[in-house]
Amino acid sequence: MDITMIWYLIPALVMFCCGIYGFLTRRNMIAMLISLELMLNAVDINFVVFNRYLFPGSSEGWIFTLFGIAIAAAETALAIAIIINFYRVCKEIDVEDATELKH
């Protein structure tokens, strides 16, 4: 019994929708970063699934996924550094307090 593509795409869609919901409803920078990572992981799942079903002999989907994971790791490290510096200045990591840095 072969598993069809939809059984991989539905969990990726649920992950992506949960990430969008978390990103739009949370005001905490760490929670927003986690939501963003959830969306990126859903996209990586889609890369692998579409590669497997559309081009079974090639490995471009795997390469894009590894590249996406590397970019996500670098983005997370940079975002956490920014959040730590923001916390040192404002003693809070709420997005609403980020407007204080403009002045």
PDB file of N, CA and C in Angstrom:
ATOM      1  N   MET A   1       0.842  -1.184   0.000  1.00  0.00           N
ATOM      2  CA  MET A   1       0.000   0.000   0.000  1.00  0.00           C
ATOM      3  C   MET A   1       0.880   1.238   0.000  1.00  0.00           C
ATOM      4  N   ASP A   2       0.716   2.061  -0.989  1.00  0.00           N
ATOM      5  CA  ASP A   2       1.526   3.272  -1.130  1.00  0.00           C
ATOM      6  C   ASP A   2       0.808   4.466  -0.497  1.00  0.00           C
ATOM      7  N   ILE A   3       1.539   5.241   0.239  1.00  0.00           N
ATOM      8  CA  ILE A   3       0.962   6.428   0.870  1.00  0.00           C
ATOM      9  C   ILE A   3       0.925   7.538  -0.172  1.00  0.00           C
ATOM     10  N   THR A   4      -0.230   8.146  -0.330  1.00  0.00           N
ATOM     11  CA  THR A   4      -0.368   9.208  -1.329  1.00  0.00           C
ATOM     12  C   THR A   4       0.182  10.527  -0.786  1.00  0.00           C
ATOM     13  N   MET A   5       0.311  11.471  -1.691  1.00  0.00           N
ATOM     14  CA  MET A   5       0.910  12.762  -1.355  1.00  0.00           C
ATOM     15  C   MET A   5       0.077  13.540  -0.340  1.00  0.00           C
ATOM     16  N   ILE A   6      -1.226  13.370  -0.369  1.00  0.00           N
ATOM     17  CA  ILE A   6      -2.101  14.162   0.502  1.00  0.00           C
ATOM     18  C   ILE A   6      -1.844  13.881   1.983  1.00  0.00           C
ATOM     19  N   TRP A   7      -1.392  12.660   2.300  1.00  0.00           N
ATOM     20  CA  TRP A   7      -1.126  12.314   3.698  1.00  0.00           C
ATOM     21  C   TRP A   7       0.111  13.025   4.248  1.00  0.00           C
ATOM     22  N   TYR A   8       0.941  13.536   3.379  1.00  0.00           N
ATOM     23  CA  TYR A   8       2.074  14.350   3.803  1.00  0.00           C
ATOM     24  C   TYR A   8       1.735  15.836   3.769  1.00  0.00           C
ATOM     25  N   LEU A   9       0.893  16.217   2.836  1.00  0.00           N
ATOM     26  CA  LEU A   9       0.595  17.643   2.680  1.00  0.00           C
ATOM     27  C   LEU A   9      -0.371  18.167   3.737  1.00  0.00           C
ATOM     28  N   ILE A  10      -1.275  17.329   4.221  1.00  0.00           N
ATOM     29  CA  ILE A  10      -2.221  17.785   5.249  1.00  0.00           C
ATOM     30  C   ILE A  10      -1.498  18.161   6.554  1.00  0.00           C
ATOM     31  N   PRO A  11      -0.594  17.329   7.087  1.00  0.00           N
ATOM     32  CA  PRO A  11       0.128  17.780   8.294  1.00  0.00           C
ATOM     33  C   PRO A  11       0.977  19.031   8.048  1.00  0.00           C
ATOM     34  N   ALA A  12       1.551  19.147   6.842  1.00  0.00           N
ATOM     35  CA  ALA A  12       2.328  20.351   6.528  1.00  0.00           C
ATOM     36  C   ALA A  12       1.415  21.569   6.497  1.00  0.00           C
ATOM     37  N   LEU A  13       0.207  21.407   5.947  1.00  0.00           N
ATOM     38  CA  LEU A  13      -0.748  22.511   5.921  1.00  0.00           C
ATOM     39  C   LEU A  13      -1.184  22.896   7.327  1.00  0.00           C
ATOM     40  N   VAL A  14      -1.424  21.911   8.178  1.00  0.00           N
ATOM     41  CA  VAL A  14      -1.804  22.188   9.569  1.00  0.00           C
ATOM     42  C   VAL A  14      -0.674  22.911  10.292  1.00  0.00           C
ATOM     43  N   MET A  15       0.567  22.453  10.083  1.00  0.00           N
ATOM     44  CA  MET A  15       1.718  23.129  10.694  1.00  0.00           C
ATOM     45  C   MET A  15       1.825  24.568  10.227  1.00  0.00           C
ATOM     46  N   PHE A  16       1.655  24.788   8.923  1.00  0.00           N
ATOM     47  CA  PHE A  16       1.774  26.136   8.385  1.00  0.00           C
ATOM     48  C   PHE A  16       0.674  27.040   8.932  1.00  0.00           C
ATOM     49  N   CYS A  17      -0.548  26.530   9.000  1.00  0.00           N
ATOM     50  CA  CYS A  17      -1.660  27.336   9.525  1.00  0.00           C
ATOM     51  C   CYS A  17      -1.469  27.646  11.012  1.00  0.00           C
ATOM     52  N   CYS A  18      -0.973  26.684  11.776  1.00  0.00           N
ATOM     53  CA  CYS A  18      -0.683  26.942  13.197  1.00  0.00           C
ATOM     54  C   CYS A  18       0.407  27.997  13.346  1.00  0.00           C
ATOM     55  N   GLY A  19       1.400  27.951  12.452  1.00  0.00           N
ATOM     56  CA  GLY A  19       2.457  28.962  12.476  1.00  0.00           C
ATOM     57  C   GLY A  19       1.930  30.347  12.151  1.00  0.00           C
ATOM     58  N   ILE A  20       1.059  30.443  11.153  1.00  0.00           N
ATOM     59  CA  ILE A  20       0.470  31.748  10.813  1.00  0.00           C
ATOM     60  C   ILE A  20      -0.363  32.270  11.970  1.00  0.00           C
ATOM     61  N   TYR A  21      -1.181  31.401  12.552  1.00  0.00           N
ATOM     62  CA  TYR A  21      -2.018  31.812  13.680  1.00  0.00           C
ATOM     63  C   TYR A  21      -1.155  32.289  14.853  1.00  0.00           C
ATOM     64  N   GLY A  22      -0.119  31.521  15.172  1.00  0.00           N
ATOM     65  CA  GLY A  22       0.753  31.911  16.282  1.00  0.00           C
ATOM     66  C   GLY A  22       1.490  33.211  16.010  1.00  0.00           C
ATOM     67  N   PHE A  23       1.920  33.404  14.761  1.00  0.00           N
ATOM     68  CA  PHE A  23       2.655  34.622  14.424  1.00  0.00           C
ATOM     69  C   PHE A  23       1.751  35.853  14.504  1.00  0.00           C
ATOM     70  N   LEU A  24       0.511  35.714  14.081  1.00  0.00           N
ATOM     71  CA  LEU A  24      -0.388  36.866  14.060  1.00  0.00           C
ATOM     72  C   LEU A  24      -1.023  37.174  15.409  1.00  0.00           C
ATOM     73  N   THR A  25      -1.118  36.190  16.293  1.00  0.00           N
ATOM     74  CA  THR A  25      -1.811  36.417  17.562  1.00  0.00           C
ATOM     75  C   THR A  25      -0.880  36.644  18.743  1.00  0.00           C
ATOM     76  N   ARG A  26       0.360  36.255  18.652  1.00  0.00           N
ATOM     77  CA  ARG A  26       1.278  36.395  19.786  1.00  0.00           C
ATOM     78  C   ARG A  26       1.969  37.751  19.743  1.00  0.00           C
ATOM     79  N   ARG A  27       2.257  38.279  20.906  1.00  0.00           N
ATOM     80  CA  ARG A  27       2.998  39.535  21.025  1.00  0.00           C
ATOM     81  C   ARG A  27       4.386  39.293  21.591  1.00  0.00           C
ATOM     82  N   ASN A  28       4.661  38.088  22.039  1.00  0.00           N
ATOM     83  CA  ASN A  28       5.966  37.737  22.579  1.00  0.00           C
ATOM     84  C   ASN A  28       6.884  37.398  21.411  1.00  0.00           C
ATOM     85  N   MET A  29       8.075  37.971  21.393  1.00  0.00           N
ATOM     86  CA  MET A  29       8.989  37.762  20.265  1.00  0.00           C
ATOM     87  C   MET A  29       9.446  36.312  20.143  1.00  0.00           C
ATOM     88  N   ILE A  30       9.641  35.630  21.249  1.00  0.00           N
ATOM     89  CA  ILE A  30      10.063  34.230  21.203  1.00  0.00           C
ATOM     90  C   ILE A  30       8.950  33.365  20.608  1.00  0.00           C
ATOM     91  N   ALA A  31       7.708  33.606  21.006  1.00  0.00           N
ATOM     92  CA  ALA A  31       6.584  32.846  20.458  1.00  0.00           C
ATOM     93  C   ALA A  31       6.430  33.118  18.964  1.00  0.00           C
ATOM     94  N   MET A  32       6.678  34.348  18.551  1.00  0.00           N
ATOM     95  CA  MET A  32       6.601  34.672  17.122  1.00  0.00           C
ATOM     96  C   MET A  32       7.719  33.967  16.356  1.00  0.00           C
ATOM     97  N   LEU A  33       8.893  33.883  16.946  1.00  0.00           N
ATOM     98  CA  LEU A  33      10.012  33.189  16.301  1.00  0.00           C
ATOM     99  C   LEU A  33       9.722  31.694  16.161  1.00  0.00           C
ATOM    100  N   ILE A  34       9.142  31.097  17.194  1.00  0.00           N
ATOM    101  CA  ILE A  34       8.779  29.682  17.127  1.00  0.00           C
ATOM    102  C   ILE A  34       7.729  29.449  16.044  1.00  0.00           C
ATOM    103  N   SER A  35       6.774  30.356  15.934  1.00  0.00           N
ATOM    104  CA  SER A  35       5.746  30.239  14.897  1.00  0.00           C
ATOM    105  C   SER A  35       6.356  30.355  13.505  1.00  0.00           C
ATOM    106  N   LEU A  36       7.299  31.241  13.357  1.00  0.00           N
ATOM    107  CA  LEU A  36       7.984  31.384  12.071  1.00  0.00           C
ATOM    108  C   LEU A  36       8.761  30.118  11.717  1.00  0.00           C
ATOM    109  N   GLU A  37       9.412  29.523  12.699  1.00  0.00           N
ATOM    110  CA  GLU A  37      10.135  28.275  12.460  1.00  0.00           C
ATOM    111  C   GLU A  37       9.174  27.144  12.094  1.00  0.00           C
ATOM    112  N   LEU A  38       7.996  27.139  12.687  1.00  0.00           N
ATOM    113  CA  LEU A  38       6.994  26.139  12.346  1.00  0.00           C
ATOM    114  C   LEU A  38       6.567  26.273  10.889  1.00  0.00           C
ATOM    115  N   MET A  39       6.402  27.495  10.428  1.00  0.00           N
ATOM    116  CA  MET A  39       6.046  27.717   9.023  1.00  0.00           C
ATOM    117  C   MET A  39       7.178  27.270   8.096  1.00  0.00           C
ATOM    118  N   LEU A  40       8.412  27.571   8.460  1.00  0.00           N
ATOM    119  CA  LEU A  40       9.544  27.155   7.635  1.00  0.00           C
ATOM    120  C   LEU A  40       9.675  25.631   7.570  1.00  0.00           C
ATOM    121  N   ASN A  41       9.404  24.949   8.670  1.00  0.00           N
ATOM    122  CA  ASN A  41       9.458  23.485   8.663  1.00  0.00           C
ATOM    123  C   ASN A  41       8.358  22.894   7.789  1.00  0.00           C
ATOM    124  N   ALA A  42       7.192  23.519   7.767  1.00  0.00           N
ATOM    125  CA  ALA A  42       6.119  23.050   6.887  1.00  0.00           C
ATOM    126  C   ALA A  42       6.520  23.196   5.424  1.00  0.00           C
ATOM    127  N   VAL A  43       7.192  24.278   5.100  1.00  0.00           N
ATOM    128  CA  VAL A  43       7.669  24.474   3.724  1.00  0.00           C
ATOM    129  C   VAL A  43       8.729  23.434   3.379  1.00  0.00           C
ATOM    130  N   ASP A  44       9.604  23.109   4.317  1.00  0.00           N
ATOM    131  CA  ASP A  44      10.615  22.077   4.070  1.00  0.00           C
ATOM    132  C   ASP A  44       9.973  20.719   3.814  1.00  0.00           C
ATOM    133  N   ILE A  45       8.917  20.396   4.547  1.00  0.00           N
ATOM    134  CA  ILE A  45       8.194  19.151   4.292  1.00  0.00           C
ATOM    135  C   ILE A  45       7.635  19.153   2.875  1.00  0.00           C
ATOM    136  N   ASN A  46       7.089  20.270   2.447  1.00  0.00           N
ATOM    137  CA  ASN A  46       6.550  20.356   1.085  1.00  0.00           C
ATOM    138  C   ASN A  46       7.631  20.169   0.036  1.00  0.00           C
ATOM    139  N   PHE A  47       8.811  20.733   0.243  1.00  0.00           N
ATOM    140  CA  PHE A  47       9.920  20.532  -0.688  1.00  0.00           C
ATOM    141  C   PHE A  47      10.205  19.041  -0.875  1.00  0.00           C
ATOM    142  N   VAL A  48      10.310  18.318   0.234  1.00  0.00           N
ATOM    143  CA  VAL A  48      10.656  16.901   0.173  1.00  0.00           C
ATOM    144  C   VAL A  48       9.533  16.097  -0.466  1.00  0.00           C
ATOM    145  N   VAL A  49       8.293  16.389  -0.114  1.00  0.00           N
ATOM    146  CA  VAL A  49       7.160  15.635  -0.650  1.00  0.00           C
ATOM    147  C   VAL A  49       7.029  15.843  -2.155  1.00  0.00           C
ATOM    148  N   PHE A  50       7.097  17.088  -2.599  1.00  0.00           N
ATOM    149  CA  PHE A  50       6.964  17.335  -4.029  1.00  0.00           C
ATOM    150  C   PHE A  50       8.143  16.749  -4.810  1.00  0.00           C
ATOM    151  N   ASN A  51       9.309  16.750  -4.222  1.00  0.00           N
ATOM    152  CA  ASN A  51      10.445  16.120  -4.887  1.00  0.00           C
ATOM    153  C   ASN A  51      10.232  14.619  -5.022  1.00  0.00           C
ATOM    154  N   ARG A  52       9.735  14.011  -3.974  1.00  0.00           N
ATOM    155  CA  ARG A  52       9.553  12.557  -3.994  1.00  0.00           C
ATOM    156  C   ARG A  52       8.505  12.136  -5.015  1.00  0.00           C
ATOM    157  N   TYR A  53       7.422  12.874  -5.109  1.00  0.00           N
ATOM    158  CA  TYR A  53       6.334  12.448  -5.975  1.00  0.00           C
ATOM    159  C   TYR A  53       6.439  12.978  -7.405  1.00  0.00           C
ATOM    160  N   LEU A  54       7.019  14.127  -7.603  1.00  0.00           N
ATOM    161  CA  LEU A  54       7.099  14.684  -8.956  1.00  0.00           C
ATOM    162  C   LEU A  54       8.387  14.278  -9.676  1.00  0.00           C
ATOM    163  N   PHE A  55       9.491  14.216  -8.932  1.00  0.00           N
ATOM    164  CA  PHE A  55      10.785  13.866  -9.519  1.00  0.00           C
ATOM    165  C   PHE A  55      11.463  12.817  -8.641  1.00  0.00           C
ATOM    166  N   PRO A  56      11.012  11.569  -8.694  1.00  0.00           N
ATOM    167  CA  PRO A  56      11.523  10.562  -7.749  1.00  0.00           C
ATOM    168  C   PRO A  56      13.013  10.258  -7.861  1.00  0.00           C
ATOM    169  N   GLY A  57      13.611  10.453  -9.021  1.00  0.00           N
ATOM    170  CA  GLY A  57      15.018  10.110  -9.182  1.00  0.00           C
ATOM    171  C   GLY A  57      15.974  11.230  -8.826  1.00  0.00           C
ATOM    172  N   SER A  58      15.481  12.422  -8.620  1.00  0.00           N
ATOM    173  CA  SER A  58      16.373  13.555  -8.365  1.00  0.00           C
ATOM    174  C   SER A  58      16.384  13.908  -6.881  1.00  0.00           C
ATOM    175  N   SER A  59      17.304  14.800  -6.524  1.00  0.00           N
ATOM    176  CA  SER A  59      17.435  15.168  -5.113  1.00  0.00           C
ATOM    177  C   SER A  59      17.386  16.672  -4.893  1.00  0.00           C
ATOM    178  N   GLU A  60      16.779  17.404  -5.816  1.00  0.00           N
ATOM    179  CA  GLU A  60      16.724  18.854  -5.634  1.00  0.00           C
ATOM    180  C   GLU A  60      15.893  19.258  -4.415  1.00  0.00           C
ATOM    181  N   GLY A  61      14.809  18.544  -4.153  1.00  0.00           N
ATOM    182  CA  GLY A  61      13.980  18.854  -2.980  1.00  0.00           C
ATOM    183  C   GLY A  61      14.738  18.690  -1.687  1.00  0.00           C
ATOM    184  N   TRP A  62      15.570  17.646  -1.619  1.00  0.00           N
ATOM    185  CA  TRP A  62      16.389  17.435  -0.427  1.00  0.00           C
ATOM    186  C   TRP A  62      17.425  18.545  -0.271  1.00  0.00           C
ATOM    187  N   ILE A  63      17.994  18.962  -1.377  1.00  0.00           N
ATOM    188  CA  ILE A  63      18.997  20.035  -1.325  1.00  0.00           C
ATOM    189  C   ILE A  63      18.352  21.348  -0.882  1.00  0.00           C
ATOM    190  N   PHE A  64      17.179  21.663  -1.443  1.00  0.00           N
ATOM    191  CA  PHE A  64      16.468  22.870  -1.023  1.00  0.00           C
ATOM    192  C   PHE A  64      16.099  22.799   0.452  1.00  0.00           C
ATOM    193  N   THR A  65      15.722  21.612   0.911  1.00  0.00           N
ATOM    194  CA  THR A  65      15.363  21.456   2.320  1.00  0.00           C
ATOM    195  C   THR A  65      16.579  21.675   3.221  1.00  0.00           C
ATOM    196  N   LEU A  66      17.711  21.090   2.872  1.00  0.00           N
ATOM    197  CA  LEU A  66      18.919  21.305   3.676  1.00  0.00           C
ATOM    198  C   LEU A  66      19.343  22.770   3.664  1.00  0.00           C
ATOM    199  N   PHE A  67      19.218  23.410   2.505  1.00  0.00           N
ATOM    200  CA  PHE A  67      19.525  24.833   2.421  1.00  0.00           C
ATOM    201  C   PHE A  67      18.554  25.635   3.280  1.00  0.00           C
ATOM    202  N   GLY A  68      17.274  25.270   3.251  1.00  0.00           N
ATOM    203  CA  GLY A  68      16.270  25.946   4.081  1.00  0.00           C
ATOM    204  C   GLY A  68      16.531  25.776   5.560  1.00  0.00           C
ATOM    205  N   ILE A  69      16.965  24.591   5.962  1.00  0.00           N
ATOM    206  CA  ILE A  69      17.280  24.351   7.372  1.00  0.00           C
ATOM    207  C   ILE A  69      18.490  25.186   7.792  1.00  0.00           C
ATOM    208  N   ALA A  70      19.491  25.288   6.928  1.00  0.00           N
ATOM    209  CA  ALA A  70      20.673  26.104   7.249  1.00  0.00           C
ATOM    210  C   ALA A  70      20.300  27.573   7.373  1.00  0.00           C
ATOM    211  N   ILE A  71      19.476  28.056   6.459  1.00  0.00           N
ATOM    212  CA  ILE A  71      19.031  29.447   6.532  1.00  0.00           C
ATOM    213  C   ILE A  71      18.196  29.685   7.790  1.00  0.00           C
ATOM    214  N   ALA A  72      17.336  28.733   8.127  1.00  0.00           N
ATOM    215  CA  ALA A  72      16.506  28.867   9.329  1.00  0.00           C
ATOM    216  C   ALA A  72      17.360  28.886  10.591  1.00  0.00           C
ATOM    217  N   ALA A  73      18.412  28.087  10.626  1.00  0.00           N
ATOM    218  CA  ALA A  73      19.298  28.080  11.795  1.00  0.00           C
ATOM    219  C   ALA A  73      20.019  29.416  11.942  1.00  0.00           C
ATOM    220  N   ALA A  74      20.496  29.956  10.831  1.00  0.00           N
ATOM    221  CA  ALA A  74      21.170  31.254  10.885  1.00  0.00           C
ATOM    222  C   ALA A  74      20.185  32.354  11.268  1.00  0.00           C
ATOM    223  N   GLU A  75      18.988  32.297  10.723  1.00  0.00           N
ATOM    224  CA  GLU A  75      17.965  33.299  11.044  1.00  0.00           C
ATOM    225  C   GLU A  75      17.582  33.226  12.518  1.00  0.00           C
ATOM    226  N   THR A  76      17.478  32.016  13.060  1.00  0.00           N
ATOM    227  CA  THR A  76      17.128  31.858  14.471  1.00  0.00           C
ATOM    228  C   THR A  76      18.228  32.398  15.372  1.00  0.00           C
ATOM    229  N   ALA A  77      19.464  32.117  15.043  1.00  0.00           N
ATOM    230  CA  ALA A  77      20.576  32.626  15.858  1.00  0.00           C
ATOM    231  C   ALA A  77      20.602  34.143  15.852  1.00  0.00           C
ATOM    232  N   LEU A  78      20.408  34.734  14.699  1.00  0.00           N
ATOM    233  CA  LEU A  78      20.393  36.194  14.605  1.00  0.00           C
ATOM    234  C   LEU A  78      19.200  36.783  15.345  1.00  0.00           C
ATOM    235  N   ALA A  79      18.032  36.164  15.202  1.00  0.00           N
ATOM    236  CA  ALA A  79      16.832  36.676  15.877  1.00  0.00           C
ATOM    237  C   ALA A  79      16.960  36.571  17.394  1.00  0.00           C
ATOM    238  N   ILE A  80      17.519  35.479  17.885  1.00  0.00           N
ATOM    239  CA  ILE A  80      17.697  35.351  19.329  1.00  0.00           C
ATOM    240  C   ILE A  80      18.695  36.377  19.851  1.00  0.00           C
ATOM    241  N   ALA A  81      19.735  36.654  19.092  1.00  0.00           N
ATOM    242  CA  ALA A  81      20.686  37.701  19.501  1.00  0.00           C
ATOM    243  C   ALA A  81      19.998  39.061  19.568  1.00  0.00           C
ATOM    244  N   ILE A  82      19.167  39.358  18.602  1.00  0.00           N
ATOM    245  CA  ILE A  82      18.435  40.630  18.617  1.00  0.00           C
ATOM    246  C   ILE A  82      17.470  40.678  19.790  1.00  0.00           C
ATOM    247  N   ILE A  83      16.773  39.581  20.056  1.00  0.00           N
ATOM    248  CA  ILE A  83      15.826  39.548  21.173  1.00  0.00           C
ATOM    249  C   ILE A  83      16.550  39.713  22.502  1.00  0.00           C
ATOM    250  N   ILE A  84      17.717  39.090  22.658  1.00  0.00           N
ATOM    251  CA  ILE A  84      18.479  39.246  23.907  1.00  0.00           C
ATOM    252  C   ILE A  84      18.910  40.697  24.099  1.00  0.00           C
ATOM    253  N   ASN A  85      19.391  41.334  23.048  1.00  0.00           N
ATOM    254  CA  ASN A  85      19.769  42.749  23.162  1.00  0.00           C
ATOM    255  C   ASN A  85      18.566  43.625  23.444  1.00  0.00           C
ATOM    256  N   PHE A  86      17.436  43.310  22.829  1.00  0.00           N
ATOM    257  CA  PHE A  86      16.205  44.067  23.099  1.00  0.00           C
ATOM    258  C   PHE A  86      15.782  43.897  24.552  1.00  0.00           C
ATOM    259  N   TYR A  87      15.922  42.689  25.100  1.00  0.00           N
ATOM    260  CA  TYR A  87      15.573  42.448  26.491  1.00  0.00           C
ATOM    261  C   TYR A  87      16.490  43.219  27.435  1.00  0.00           C
ATOM    262  N   ARG A  88      17.755  43.320  27.078  1.00  0.00           N
ATOM    263  CA  ARG A  88      18.692  44.078  27.927  1.00  0.00           C
ATOM    264  C   ARG A  88      18.324  45.549  28.004  1.00  0.00           C
ATOM    265  N   VAL A  89      17.787  46.083  26.913  1.00  0.00           N
ATOM    266  CA  VAL A  89      17.421  47.503  26.886  1.00  0.00           C
ATOM    267  C   VAL A  89      16.075  47.743  27.550  1.00  0.00           C
ATOM    268  N   CYS A  90      15.075  46.946  27.200  1.00  0.00           N
ATOM    269  CA  CYS A  90      13.695  47.221  27.612  1.00  0.00           C
ATOM    270  C   CYS A  90      13.198  46.360  28.764  1.00  0.00           C
ATOM    271  N   LYS A  91      13.917  45.308  29.137  1.00  0.00           N
ATOM    272  CA  LYS A  91      13.492  44.370  30.184  1.00  0.00           C
ATOM    273  C   LYS A  91      12.153  43.716  29.861  1.00  0.00           C
ATOM    274  N   GLU A  92      11.846  43.610  28.591  1.00  0.00           N
ATOM    275  CA  GLU A  92      10.587  43.010  28.126  1.00  0.00           C
ATOM    276  C   GLU A  92      10.812  42.548  26.697  1.00  0.00           C
ATOM    277  N   ILE A  93      10.142  41.485  26.274  1.00  0.00           N
ATOM    278  CA  ILE A  93      10.271  41.035  24.894  1.00  0.00           C
ATOM    279  C   ILE A  93       8.923  41.081  24.181  1.00  0.00           C
ATOM    280  N   ASP A  94       8.117  42.031  24.562  1.00  0.00           N
ATOM    281  CA  ASP A  94       6.826  42.231  23.920  1.00  0.00           C
ATOM    282  C   ASP A  94       7.022  43.074  22.662  1.00  0.00           C
ATOM    283  N   VAL A  95       6.326  42.721  21.607  1.00  0.00           N
ATOM    284  CA  VAL A  95       6.484  43.422  20.337  1.00  0.00           C
ATOM    285  C   VAL A  95       6.011  44.871  20.443  1.00  0.00           C
ATOM    286  N   GLU A  96       5.019  45.118  21.262  1.00  0.00           N
ATOM    287  CA  GLU A  96       4.497  46.477  21.412  1.00  0.00           C
ATOM    288  C   GLU A  96       5.554  47.429  21.983  1.00  0.00           C
ATOM    289  N   ASP A  97       6.491  46.906  22.769  1.00  0.00           N
ATOM    290  CA  ASP A  97       7.541  47.741  23.350  1.00  0.00           C
ATOM    291  C   ASP A  97       8.658  48.048  22.362  1.00  0.00           C
ATOM    292  N   ALA A  98       8.645  47.409  21.215  1.00  0.00           N
ATOM    293  CA  ALA A  98       9.699  47.643  20.224  1.00  0.00           C
ATOM    294  C   ALA A  98       9.623  49.033  19.619  1.00  0.00           C
ATOM    295  N   THR A  99       8.501  49.698  19.729  1.00  0.00           N
ATOM    296  CA  THR A  99       8.378  51.054  19.211  1.00  0.00           C
ATOM    297  C   THR A  99       9.195  52.047  20.023  1.00  0.00           C
ATOM    298  N   GLU A 100       9.593  51.655  21.240  1.00  0.00           N
ATOM    299  CA  GLU A 100      10.433  52.527  22.069  1.00  0.00           C
ATOM    300  C   GLU A 100      11.799  52.749  21.455  1.00  0.00           C
ATOM    301  N   LEU A 101      12.267  51.801  20.659  1.00  0.00           N
ATOM    302  CA  LEU A 101      13.593  51.905  20.073  1.00  0.00           C
ATOM    303  C   LEU A 101      13.647  52.934  18.947  1.00  0.00           C
ATOM    304  N   LYS A 102      12.517  53.366  18.450  1.00  0.00           N
ATOM    305  CA  LYS A 102      12.493  54.351  17.380  1.00  0.00           C
ATOM    306  C   LYS A 102      12.912  55.739  17.854  1.00  0.00           C
ATOM    307  N   HIS A 103      12.687  56.001  19.115  1.00  0.00           N
ATOM    308  CA  HIS A 103      12.943  57.356  19.638  1.00  0.00           C
ATOM    309  C   HIS A 103      14.320  57.503  20.205  1.00  0.00           C
TER     310      HIS A 103
END
